[in-house]
C-alpha atoms as a PDB file:
ATOM      1  CA  MET A   1      11.698  14.200  11.371  1.00  0.00           C
ATOM      2  CA  VAL A   2      11.748  14.306   7.578  1.00  0.00           C
ATOM      3  CA  GLU A   3      11.892  18.084   7.652  1.00  0.00           C
ATOM      4  CA  LYS A   4      14.924  17.842   9.983  1.00  0.00           C
ATOM      5  CA  GLY A   5      16.812  15.590   7.555  1.00  0.00           C
ATOM      6  CA  ALA A   6      15.830  12.043   8.561  1.00  0.00           C
ATOM      7  CA  ASP A   7      16.622   9.451   5.891  1.00  0.00           C
ATOM      8  CA  ILE A   8      13.260   8.918   4.210  1.00  0.00           C
ATOM      9  CA  ASN A   9      14.505   5.643   2.702  1.00  0.00           C
ATOM     10  CA  TYR A  10      16.014   4.207   5.894  1.00  0.00           C
ATOM     11  CA  PHE A  11      15.849   0.448   5.590  1.00  0.00           C
ATOM     12  CA  LYS A  12      16.174  -2.300   8.152  1.00  0.00           C
ATOM     13  CA  ARG A  13      15.367  -5.849   7.203  1.00  0.00           C
ATOM     14  CA  GLY A  14      12.976  -7.346   9.702  1.00  0.00           C
ATOM     15  CA  TYR A  15       9.889  -6.221  11.529  1.00  0.00           C
ATOM     16  CA  ILE A  16       9.991  -2.610  10.346  1.00  0.00           C
ATOM     17  CA  GLN A  17      11.714  -2.050   7.029  1.00  0.00           C
ATOM     18  CA  SER A  18      11.197   1.469   5.783  1.00  0.00           C
ATOM     19  CA  PRO A  19       8.849   4.305   6.629  1.00  0.00           C
ATOM     20  CA  LEU A  20       6.980   3.816   3.329  1.00  0.00           C
ATOM     21  CA  ALA A  21       6.610   0.061   3.798  1.00  0.00           C
ATOM     22  CA  GLU A  22       5.406   0.466   7.359  1.00  0.00           C
ATOM     23  CA  SER A  23       2.889   3.176   6.458  1.00  0.00           C
ATOM     24  CA  LEU A  24       1.412   0.965   3.722  1.00  0.00           C
ATOM     25  CA  ILE A  25       1.305  -2.122   5.933  1.00  0.00           C
ATOM     26  CA  GLN A  26      -0.495  -0.071   8.602  1.00  0.00           C
ATOM     27  CA  GLU A  27      -2.802   1.377   5.912  1.00  0.00           C
ATOM     28  CA  ARG A  28      -1.771   4.934   6.813  1.00  0.00           C
ATOM     29  CA  MET A  29      -2.247   6.317   3.324  1.00  0.00           C
ATOM     30  CA  ASP A  30      -1.834   9.876   4.551  1.00  0.00           C
ATOM     31  CA  ILE A  31       1.693   9.106   5.736  1.00  0.00           C
ATOM     32  CA  ALA A  32       2.515   7.011   2.642  1.00  0.00           C
ATOM     33  CA  GLU A  33       1.401   9.837   0.364  1.00  0.00           C
ATOM     34  CA  TYR A  34       3.512  12.348   2.311  1.00  0.00           C
ATOM     35  CA  LEU A  35       6.586  10.099   2.120  1.00  0.00           C
ATOM     36  CA  LEU A  36       6.162   9.544  -1.612  1.00  0.00           C
ATOM     37  CA  ARG A  37       5.905  13.267  -2.259  1.00  0.00           C
ATOM     38  CA  LYS A  38       9.063  13.783  -0.191  1.00  0.00           C
ATOM     39  CA  GLY A  39      10.985  11.269  -2.309  1.00  0.00           C
ATOM     40  CA  ALA A  40      10.496   7.836  -0.758  1.00  0.00           C
ATOM     41  CA  ASP A  41      11.784   5.037  -2.995  1.00  0.00           C
ATOM     42  CA  TYR A  42       8.644   3.366  -4.333  1.00  0.00           C
ATOM     43  CA  LYS A  43      10.614   0.980  -6.558  1.00  0.00           C
ATOM     44  CA  LYS A  44      12.398  -0.807  -3.727  1.00  0.00           C
ATOM     45  CA  PRO A  45      10.921  -4.257  -3.007  1.00  0.00           C
ATOM     46  CA  ILE A  46       9.299  -4.693   0.380  1.00  0.00           C
ATOM     47  CA  ILE A  47       9.916  -7.880   2.334  1.00  0.00           C
ATOM     48  CA  ILE A  48       6.946  -9.277   4.228  1.00  0.00           C
ATOM     49  CA  SER A  49       6.839 -12.383   6.372  1.00  0.00           C
ATOM     50  CA  VAL A  50       4.056 -14.838   5.664  1.00  0.00           C
ATOM     51  CA  THR A  51       3.997 -17.770   8.087  1.00  0.00           C
ATOM     52  CA  ASN A  52       7.741 -17.433   8.734  1.00  0.00           C
ATOM     53  CA  ASN A  53       8.575 -17.250   5.019  1.00  0.00           C
ATOM     54  CA  GLU A  54       9.813 -14.020   3.531  1.00  0.00           C
ATOM     55  CA  LYS A  55       8.267 -12.702   0.335  1.00  0.00           C
ATOM     56  CA  GLU A  56       9.260  -9.698  -1.768  1.00  0.00           C
ATOM     57  CA  VAL A  57       6.321  -7.514  -2.751  1.00  0.00           C
ATOM     58  CA  SER A  58       5.862  -4.137  -4.386  1.00  0.00           C
ATOM     59  CA  VAL A  59       4.195  -0.942  -3.291  1.00  0.00           C
ATOM     60  CA  LEU A  60       1.332  -1.826  -5.656  1.00  0.00           C
ATOM     61  CA  TYR A  61       0.897  -5.213  -3.966  1.00  0.00           C
ATOM     62  CA  LEU A  62       0.479  -3.520  -0.588  1.00  0.00           C
ATOM     63  CA  LEU A  63      -1.944  -0.992  -2.035  1.00  0.00           C
ATOM     64  CA  ARG A  64      -4.012  -3.849  -3.512  1.00  0.00           C
ATOM     65  CA  ALA A  65      -4.004  -5.553  -0.119  1.00  0.00           C
ATOM     66  CA  SER A  66      -5.326  -2.411   1.601  1.00  0.00           C
ATOM     67  CA  ILE A  67      -9.037  -2.824   2.196  1.00  0.00           C
ATOM     68  CA  ILE A  68     -10.217   0.644   3.170  1.00  0.00           C
ATOM     69  CA  ASP A  69     -13.703   2.108   3.518  1.00  0.00           C
ATOM     70  CA  LEU A  70     -14.404   3.731   0.158  1.00  0.00           C
ATOM     71  CA  LYS A  71     -15.905   6.796   1.847  1.00  0.00           C
ATOM     72  CA  SER A  72     -12.968   7.447   4.160  1.00  0.00           C
ATOM     73  CA  PRO A  73     -10.265  10.106   3.927  1.00  0.00           C
ATOM     74  CA  GLN A  74      -7.682   7.293   3.820  1.00  0.00           C
ATOM     75  CA  TYR A  75      -9.292   5.958   0.636  1.00  0.00           C
ATOM     76  CA  GLN A  76      -9.013   9.409  -0.942  1.00  0.00           C
ATOM     77  CA  LYS A  77      -5.304   9.395  -0.048  1.00  0.00           C
ATOM     78  CA  LYS A  78      -4.980   5.907  -1.523  1.00  0.00           C
ATOM     79  CA  LYS A  79      -6.412   7.230  -4.794  1.00  0.00           C
ATOM     80  CA  GLU A  80      -3.890  10.090  -4.731  1.00  0.00           C
ATOM     81  CA  ILE A  81      -1.075   7.561  -4.256  1.00  0.00           C
ATOM     82  CA  VAL A  82      -2.388   5.468  -7.157  1.00  0.00           C
ATOM     83  CA  ASP A  83      -2.434   8.574  -9.372  1.00  0.00           C
ATOM     84  CA  PHE A  84       1.050   9.613  -8.212  1.00  0.00           C
ATOM     85  CA  LEU A  85       2.471   6.163  -8.983  1.00  0.00           C
ATOM     86  CA  LYS A  86       0.697   5.988 -12.336  1.00  0.00           C
ATOM     87  CA  ALA A  87       2.408   9.236 -13.344  1.00  0.00           C
ATOM     88  CA  LYS A  88       5.691   7.493 -12.459  1.00  0.00           C
ATOM     89  CA  GLY A  89       4.879   4.450 -14.617  1.00  0.00           C
ATOM     90  CA  LEU A  90       3.370   2.072 -12.039  1.00  0.00           C
ATOM     91  CA  ASP A  91      -0.162   0.979 -12.912  1.00  0.00           C
ATOM     92  CA  TYR A  92      -2.301  -0.087  -9.939  1.00  0.00           C
ATOM     93  CA  ASP A  93      -5.001  -1.447 -12.248  1.00  0.00           C
ATOM     94  CA  LYS A  94      -2.551  -3.987 -13.666  1.00  0.00           C
ATOM     95  CA  GLU A  95      -1.593  -5.326 -10.231  1.00  0.00           C
ATOM     96  CA  PRO A  96      -3.478  -8.592  -9.696  1.00  0.00           C
ATOM     97  CA  ILE A  97      -5.877  -8.900  -6.794  1.00  0.00           C
ATOM     98  CA  THR A  98      -4.846 -11.858  -4.650  1.00  0.00           C
ATOM     99  CA  ASN A  99      -7.272 -14.606  -3.698  1.00  0.00           C
ATOM    100  CA  ALA A 100      -6.633 -13.756  -0.045  1.00  0.00           C
ATOM    101  CA  THR A 101      -7.722 -10.158  -0.661  1.00  0.00           C
ATOM    102  CA  ILE A 102     -10.899 -11.254  -2.443  1.00  0.00           C
ATOM    103  CA  LYS A 103     -11.685 -13.683   0.384  1.00  0.00           C
ATOM    104  CA  TYR A 104     -11.232 -10.924   2.960  1.00  0.00           C
ATOM    105  CA  VAL A 105     -13.409  -8.491   0.995  1.00  0.00           C
ATOM    106  CA  LYS A 106     -16.134 -11.151   0.829  1.00  0.00           C
ATOM    107  CA  THR A 107     -16.131 -11.415   4.616  1.00  0.00           C
ATOM    108  CA  LEU A 108     -16.385  -7.643   5.029  1.00  0.00           C
ATOM    109  CA  TYR A 109     -18.917  -7.019   2.254  1.00  0.00           C
ATOM    110  CA  PRO A 110     -20.778 -10.313   1.694  1.00  0.00           C
ATOM    111  CA  GLU A 111     -23.725  -8.682  -0.099  1.00  0.00           C
ATOM    112  CA  ASN A 112     -21.811  -6.368  -2.407  1.00  0.00           C
ATOM    113  CA  TRP A 113     -18.184  -7.554  -2.472  1.00  0.00           C
ATOM    114  CA  GLN A 114     -18.053  -7.409  -6.274  1.00  0.00           C
ATOM    115  CA  ASP A 115     -19.021  -3.733  -6.238  1.00  0.00           C
ATOM    116  CA  TYR A 116     -16.326  -3.036  -3.656  1.00  0.00           C
ATOM    117  CA  ILE A 117     -13.692  -4.774  -5.810  1.00  0.00           C
ATOM    118  CA  LYS A 118     -14.636  -2.603  -8.817  1.00  0.00           C
ATOM    119  CA  TYR A 119     -13.895   0.627  -6.970  1.00  0.00           C
ATOM    120  CA  TYR A 120     -11.199  -0.185  -4.450  1.00  0.00           C
END
């Protein structure tokens, strides 16, 4: 659709907001990376609903919230996105890791969660 002229930054407030936001929420790093390279607006805040309250977050926030197997192709794409955004002035390493993310990582990797956090 993008190749046929679809608006890569189409935005609709609500369940699905933009192609980039949705790809990051679904942890489809391959799609997110494609959209970014095609010109998706990575500076636009993303609205997420948390227990019926809306919260504005950034692309970096969603990347930090993405808990992906470090050996997977999606993780490699995530690293490419991080590098792409860093070249544009957004530093993933400066984005705080939320307590909820740490708690989730601990449930997935109880024996080595600290190692996972270092590399993710």
